[in-house]
Amino acid sequence: IAVQTSREYQSNKEDLYLSALSLTGERHRWSPRFSAMLSGEYAHAESDDTWAGDGSFGVRQLLATGGSLSLDFATNVLRYITSDPRESASSAISATLIQPLWRGAGRRIAQENLRQAEREVIYEVRSFARYHRTFAVSIASNYLRTLEQRQRVRNFWDNYQRRVTS
């Protein structure tokens, strides 16, 4: 009951979750990111009906050295429907590597935010475990103190009853 109703306990637990969420976000930055886009268009002119479609797919990955690698594939399709039955299609693949040479370069610098987020989670877990232990001890101590006071009241009442009788 004390764990469920204590605002301080819930606040400490939420701090732990927030630090874990921060670590999850930082790890997400280092995972591959995919993107995709599709679009289509139909146009009607006086003598021509055309259909055009575009599509692209890409993936981007941060590298441990501080750089990033991206690969994109795009295709365009254009088709004349009513007049000249021409069809035009084009595709392109592009790869991009960006590697800083001075600022932000190197494994230690590039992954420092990730390491710091991992440290913060460890610190928060230790802090929460310590708080959990002290919280449990304080609740048990308060409960035992309440039982002791209850027994004192009973003893005083019994003592009072004996004095009245005597």
C-alpha atoms as a PDB file:
ATOM      1  CA  ILE A   1       0.000   0.000   0.000  1.00  0.00           C
ATOM      2  CA  ALA A   2       2.828   2.385   0.859  1.00  0.00           C
ATOM      3  CA  VAL A   3       4.508   1.868  -2.536  1.00  0.00           C
ATOM      4  CA  GLN A   4       1.268   2.525  -4.416  1.00  0.00           C
ATOM      5  CA  THR A   5       0.276   5.635  -2.469  1.00  0.00           C
ATOM      6  CA  SER A   6       3.625   7.341  -1.883  1.00  0.00           C
ATOM      7  CA  ARG A   7       4.185  10.286  -4.216  1.00  0.00           C
ATOM      8  CA  GLU A   8       7.876  10.367  -3.384  1.00  0.00           C
ATOM      9  CA  TYR A   9       8.272   6.695  -4.307  1.00  0.00           C
ATOM     10  CA  GLN A  10       6.382   7.195  -7.584  1.00  0.00           C
ATOM     11  CA  SER A  11       8.508  10.259  -8.364  1.00  0.00           C
ATOM     12  CA  ASN A  12      11.740   8.288  -7.866  1.00  0.00           C
ATOM     13  CA  LYS A  13      10.392   5.462 -10.013  1.00  0.00           C
ATOM     14  CA  GLU A  14       9.456   7.938 -12.775  1.00  0.00           C
ATOM     15  CA  ASP A  15      12.963   9.433 -12.658  1.00  0.00           C
ATOM     16  CA  LEU A  16      14.341   5.953 -13.313  1.00  0.00           C
ATOM     17  CA  TYR A  17      11.940   5.456 -16.232  1.00  0.00           C
ATOM     18  CA  LEU A  18      12.858   8.855 -17.694  1.00  0.00           C
ATOM     19  CA  SER A  19      16.561   8.055 -17.652  1.00  0.00           C
ATOM     20  CA  ALA A  20      15.850   4.693 -19.310  1.00  0.00           C
ATOM     21  CA  LEU A  21      13.710   6.481 -21.893  1.00  0.00           C
ATOM     22  CA  SER A  22      16.569   8.880 -22.592  1.00  0.00           C
ATOM     23  CA  LEU A  23      18.892   5.905 -23.143  1.00  0.00           C
ATOM     24  CA  THR A  24      16.349   4.325 -25.484  1.00  0.00           C
ATOM     25  CA  GLY A  25      16.183   7.542 -27.503  1.00  0.00           C
ATOM     26  CA  GLU A  26      19.956   7.735 -27.719  1.00  0.00           C
ATOM     27  CA  ARG A  27      20.179   4.098 -28.862  1.00  0.00           C
ATOM     28  CA  HIS A  28      17.517   4.826 -31.450  1.00  0.00           C
ATOM     29  CA  ARG A  29      19.786   7.492 -32.945  1.00  0.00           C
ATOM     30  CA  TRP A  30      22.388   4.768 -33.591  1.00  0.00           C
ATOM     31  CA  SER A  31      20.015   2.330 -35.263  1.00  0.00           C
ATOM     32  CA  PRO A  32      19.279   2.422 -39.011  1.00  0.00           C
ATOM     33  CA  ARG A  33      16.569   4.898 -40.008  1.00  0.00           C
ATOM     34  CA  PHE A  34      14.397   3.971 -42.932  1.00  0.00           C
ATOM     35  CA  SER A  35      12.339   6.331 -45.044  1.00  0.00           C
ATOM     36  CA  ALA A  36       9.941   5.783 -47.911  1.00  0.00           C
ATOM     37  CA  MET A  37       7.719   7.971 -50.039  1.00  0.00           C
ATOM     38  CA  LEU A  38       5.198   7.258 -52.785  1.00  0.00           C
ATOM     39  CA  SER A  39       3.275   9.804 -54.797  1.00  0.00           C
ATOM     40  CA  GLY A  40       1.129   9.750 -57.871  1.00  0.00           C
ATOM     41  CA  GLU A  41      -0.503  12.319 -60.112  1.00  0.00           C
ATOM     42  CA  TYR A  42      -3.059  12.174 -62.879  1.00  0.00           C
ATOM     43  CA  ALA A  43      -3.336  15.135 -65.256  1.00  0.00           C
ATOM     44  CA  HIS A  44      -5.949  15.782 -67.924  1.00  0.00           C
ATOM     45  CA  ALA A  45      -5.151  18.277 -70.659  1.00  0.00           C
ATOM     46  CA  GLU A  46      -7.042  18.959 -73.899  1.00  0.00           C
ATOM     47  CA  SER A  47      -5.426  16.204 -75.902  1.00  0.00           C
ATOM     48  CA  ASP A  48      -3.260  14.360 -73.374  1.00  0.00           C
ATOM     49  CA  ASP A  49      -3.980  12.344 -70.283  1.00  0.00           C
ATOM     50  CA  THR A  50      -0.866  11.605 -68.249  1.00  0.00           C
ATOM     51  CA  TRP A  51      -0.096   9.610 -65.194  1.00  0.00           C
ATOM     52  CA  ALA A  52       3.055  10.212 -63.161  1.00  0.00           C
ATOM     53  CA  GLY A  53       4.357   8.380 -60.140  1.00  0.00           C
ATOM     54  CA  ASP A  54       7.334   8.858 -57.895  1.00  0.00           C
ATOM     55  CA  GLY A  55       8.737   6.567 -55.284  1.00  0.00           C
ATOM     56  CA  SER A  56      11.775   6.614 -53.098  1.00  0.00           C
ATOM     57  CA  PHE A  57      13.288   4.482 -50.370  1.00  0.00           C
ATOM     58  CA  GLY A  58      16.247   5.330 -48.178  1.00  0.00           C
ATOM     59  CA  VAL A  59      18.198   4.190 -45.171  1.00  0.00           C
ATOM     60  CA  ARG A  60      20.549   6.232 -42.997  1.00  0.00           C
ATOM     61  CA  GLN A  61      22.977   4.947 -40.382  1.00  0.00           C
ATOM     62  CA  LEU A  62      25.187   6.857 -37.957  1.00  0.00           C
ATOM     63  CA  LEU A  63      28.669   5.406 -37.830  1.00  0.00           C
ATOM     64  CA  ALA A  64      30.676   4.851 -34.674  1.00  0.00           C
ATOM     65  CA  THR A  65      33.360   7.203 -35.980  1.00  0.00           C
ATOM     66  CA  GLY A  66      30.953  10.150 -35.986  1.00  0.00           C
ATOM     67  CA  GLY A  67      30.032   9.995 -39.641  1.00  0.00           C
ATOM     68  CA  SER A  68      26.845   8.970 -41.351  1.00  0.00           C
ATOM     69  CA  LEU A  69      26.104   6.748 -44.316  1.00  0.00           C
ATOM     70  CA  SER A  70      22.925   7.055 -46.345  1.00  0.00           C
ATOM     71  CA  LEU A  71      21.637   5.067 -49.284  1.00  0.00           C
ATOM     72  CA  ASP A  72      18.694   6.283 -51.357  1.00  0.00           C
ATOM     73  CA  PHE A  73      16.815   4.724 -54.237  1.00  0.00           C
ATOM     74  CA  ALA A  74      14.328   6.798 -56.239  1.00  0.00           C
ATOM     75  CA  THR A  75      12.269   6.077 -59.314  1.00  0.00           C
ATOM     76  CA  ASN A  76      10.015   8.241 -61.469  1.00  0.00           C
ATOM     77  CA  VAL A  77       7.460   6.956 -63.977  1.00  0.00           C
ATOM     78  CA  LEU A  78       5.575   9.069 -66.537  1.00  0.00           C
ATOM     79  CA  ARG A  79       3.012   7.593 -68.925  1.00  0.00           C
ATOM     80  CA  TYR A  80       0.963   9.297 -71.596  1.00  0.00           C
ATOM     81  CA  ILE A  81      -2.393   7.541 -71.634  1.00  0.00           C
ATOM     82  CA  THR A  82      -4.475   8.963 -74.508  1.00  0.00           C
ATOM     83  CA  SER A  83      -2.213  10.363 -77.189  1.00  0.00           C
ATOM     84  CA  ASP A  84       1.325   9.169 -77.851  1.00  0.00           C
ATOM     85  CA  PRO A  85       1.847   5.887 -75.942  1.00  0.00           C
ATOM     86  CA  ARG A  86       5.255   6.872 -74.660  1.00  0.00           C
ATOM     87  CA  GLU A  87       6.477   5.785 -71.326  1.00  0.00           C
ATOM     88  CA  SER A  88       9.307   7.356 -69.452  1.00  0.00           C
ATOM     89  CA  ALA A  89      10.933   5.887 -66.378  1.00  0.00           C
ATOM     90  CA  SER A  90      14.051   6.832 -64.546  1.00  0.00           C
ATOM     91  CA  SER A  91      15.698   5.492 -61.433  1.00  0.00           C
ATOM     92  CA  ALA A  92      18.566   6.693 -59.346  1.00  0.00           C
ATOM     93  CA  ILE A  93      20.607   5.193 -56.551  1.00  0.00           C
ATOM     94  CA  SER A  94      22.745   7.430 -54.432  1.00  0.00           C
ATOM     95  CA  ALA A  95      25.045   6.743 -51.537  1.00  0.00           C
ATOM     96  CA  THR A  96      26.402   9.448 -49.283  1.00  0.00           C
ATOM     97  CA  LEU A  97      29.156   9.144 -46.714  1.00  0.00           C
ATOM     98  CA  ILE A  98      29.772  12.082 -44.396  1.00  0.00           C
ATOM     99  CA  GLN A  99      32.779  11.792 -42.106  1.00  0.00           C
ATOM    100  CA  PRO A 100      33.913  14.702 -39.933  1.00  0.00           C
ATOM    101  CA  LEU A 101      37.651  15.038 -39.744  1.00  0.00           C
ATOM    102  CA  TRP A 102      38.044  17.508 -36.869  1.00  0.00           C
ATOM    103  CA  ARG A 103      35.013  18.439 -34.799  1.00  0.00           C
ATOM    104  CA  GLY A 104      32.920  15.448 -33.669  1.00  0.00           C
ATOM    105  CA  ALA A 105      35.276  12.907 -35.219  1.00  0.00           C
ATOM    106  CA  GLY A 106      36.350   9.749 -33.477  1.00  0.00           C
ATOM    107  CA  ARG A 107      34.599   6.956 -31.658  1.00  0.00           C
ATOM    108  CA  ARG A 108      34.989   8.421 -28.156  1.00  0.00           C
ATOM    109  CA  ILE A 109      33.516  11.783 -29.105  1.00  0.00           C
ATOM    110  CA  ALA A 110      30.744  10.491 -31.358  1.00  0.00           C
ATOM    111  CA  GLN A 111      29.421   7.993 -28.833  1.00  0.00           C
ATOM    112  CA  GLU A 112      29.872  10.107 -25.698  1.00  0.00           C
ATOM    113  CA  ASN A 113      26.150  10.932 -25.462  1.00  0.00           C
ATOM    114  CA  LEU A 114      25.306   7.234 -25.655  1.00  0.00           C
ATOM    115  CA  ARG A 115      27.839   6.357 -22.947  1.00  0.00           C
ATOM    116  CA  GLN A 116      26.604   9.199 -20.753  1.00  0.00           C
ATOM    117  CA  ALA A 117      22.997   8.022 -21.112  1.00  0.00           C
ATOM    118  CA  GLU A 118      24.089   4.502 -20.103  1.00  0.00           C
ATOM    119  CA  ARG A 119      25.921   5.925 -17.067  1.00  0.00           C
ATOM    120  CA  GLU A 120      22.850   7.965 -16.097  1.00  0.00           C
ATOM    121  CA  VAL A 121      20.705   4.823 -16.136  1.00  0.00           C
ATOM    122  CA  ILE A 122      23.214   2.994 -13.942  1.00  0.00           C
ATOM    123  CA  TYR A 123      23.332   5.920 -11.501  1.00  0.00           C
ATOM    124  CA  GLU A 124      19.541   6.127 -11.454  1.00  0.00           C
ATOM    125  CA  VAL A 125      19.174   2.367 -10.856  1.00  0.00           C
ATOM    126  CA  ARG A 126      21.615   2.567  -7.935  1.00  0.00           C
ATOM    127  CA  SER A 127      19.842   5.591  -6.530  1.00  0.00           C
ATOM    128  CA  PHE A 128      16.424   3.968  -6.857  1.00  0.00           C
ATOM    129  CA  ALA A 129      17.638   0.716  -5.262  1.00  0.00           C
ATOM    130  CA  ARG A 130      19.066   2.684  -2.327  1.00  0.00           C
ATOM    131  CA  TYR A 131      15.845   4.690  -1.998  1.00  0.00           C
ATOM    132  CA  HIS A 132      13.764   1.497  -2.225  1.00  0.00           C
ATOM    133  CA  ARG A 133      15.696  -0.071   0.654  1.00  0.00           C
ATOM    134  CA  THR A 134      15.448   3.009   2.876  1.00  0.00           C
ATOM    135  CA  PHE A 135      11.765   3.411   1.996  1.00  0.00           C
ATOM    136  CA  ALA A 136      11.009  -0.188   2.978  1.00  0.00           C
ATOM    137  CA  VAL A 137      12.926   0.186   6.255  1.00  0.00           C
ATOM    138  CA  SER A 138      11.155   3.437   7.122  1.00  0.00           C
ATOM    139  CA  ILE A 139       7.711   1.962   6.399  1.00  0.00           C
ATOM    140  CA  ALA A 140       8.499  -1.126   8.494  1.00  0.00           C
ATOM    141  CA  SER A 141       9.864   1.058  11.315  1.00  0.00           C
ATOM    142  CA  ASN A 142       6.763   3.251  11.291  1.00  0.00           C
ATOM    143  CA  TYR A 143       4.535   0.180  11.342  1.00  0.00           C
ATOM    144  CA  LEU A 144       6.425  -1.345  14.264  1.00  0.00           C
ATOM    145  CA  ARG A 145       6.301   1.995  16.110  1.00  0.00           C
ATOM    146  CA  THR A 146       2.538   2.088  15.602  1.00  0.00           C
ATOM    147  CA  LEU A 147       2.208  -1.458  16.972  1.00  0.00           C
ATOM    148  CA  GLU A 148       4.349  -0.477  19.953  1.00  0.00           C
ATOM    149  CA  GLN A 149       2.174   2.577  20.660  1.00  0.00           C
ATOM    150  CA  ARG A 150      -0.958   0.432  20.357  1.00  0.00           C
ATOM    151  CA  GLN A 151       0.461  -1.988  22.920  1.00  0.00           C
ATOM    152  CA  ARG A 152       1.318   0.927  25.238  1.00  0.00           C
ATOM    153  CA  VAL A 153      -2.252   2.193  25.039  1.00  0.00           C
ATOM    154  CA  ARG A 154      -3.551  -1.300  25.877  1.00  0.00           C
ATOM    155  CA  ASN A 155      -1.150  -1.514  28.809  1.00  0.00           C
ATOM    156  CA  PHE A 156      -2.261   1.911  30.086  1.00  0.00           C
ATOM    157  CA  TRP A 157      -5.923   0.892  29.719  1.00  0.00           C
ATOM    158  CA  ASP A 158      -5.357  -2.425  31.543  1.00  0.00           C
ATOM    159  CA  ASN A 159      -3.431  -0.569  34.264  1.00  0.00           C
ATOM    160  CA  TYR A 160      -6.293   1.929  34.591  1.00  0.00           C
ATOM    161  CA  GLN A 161      -8.873  -0.869  34.847  1.00  0.00           C
ATOM    162  CA  ARG A 162      -6.855  -2.615  37.597  1.00  0.00           C
ATOM    163  CA  ARG A 163      -6.525   0.599  39.572  1.00  0.00           C
ATOM    164  CA  VAL A 164     -10.250   1.244  39.330  1.00  0.00           C
ATOM    165  CA  THR A 165     -10.909  -2.298  40.525  1.00  0.00           C
ATOM    166  CA  SER A 166      -8.484  -2.051  43.383  1.00  0.00           C
END
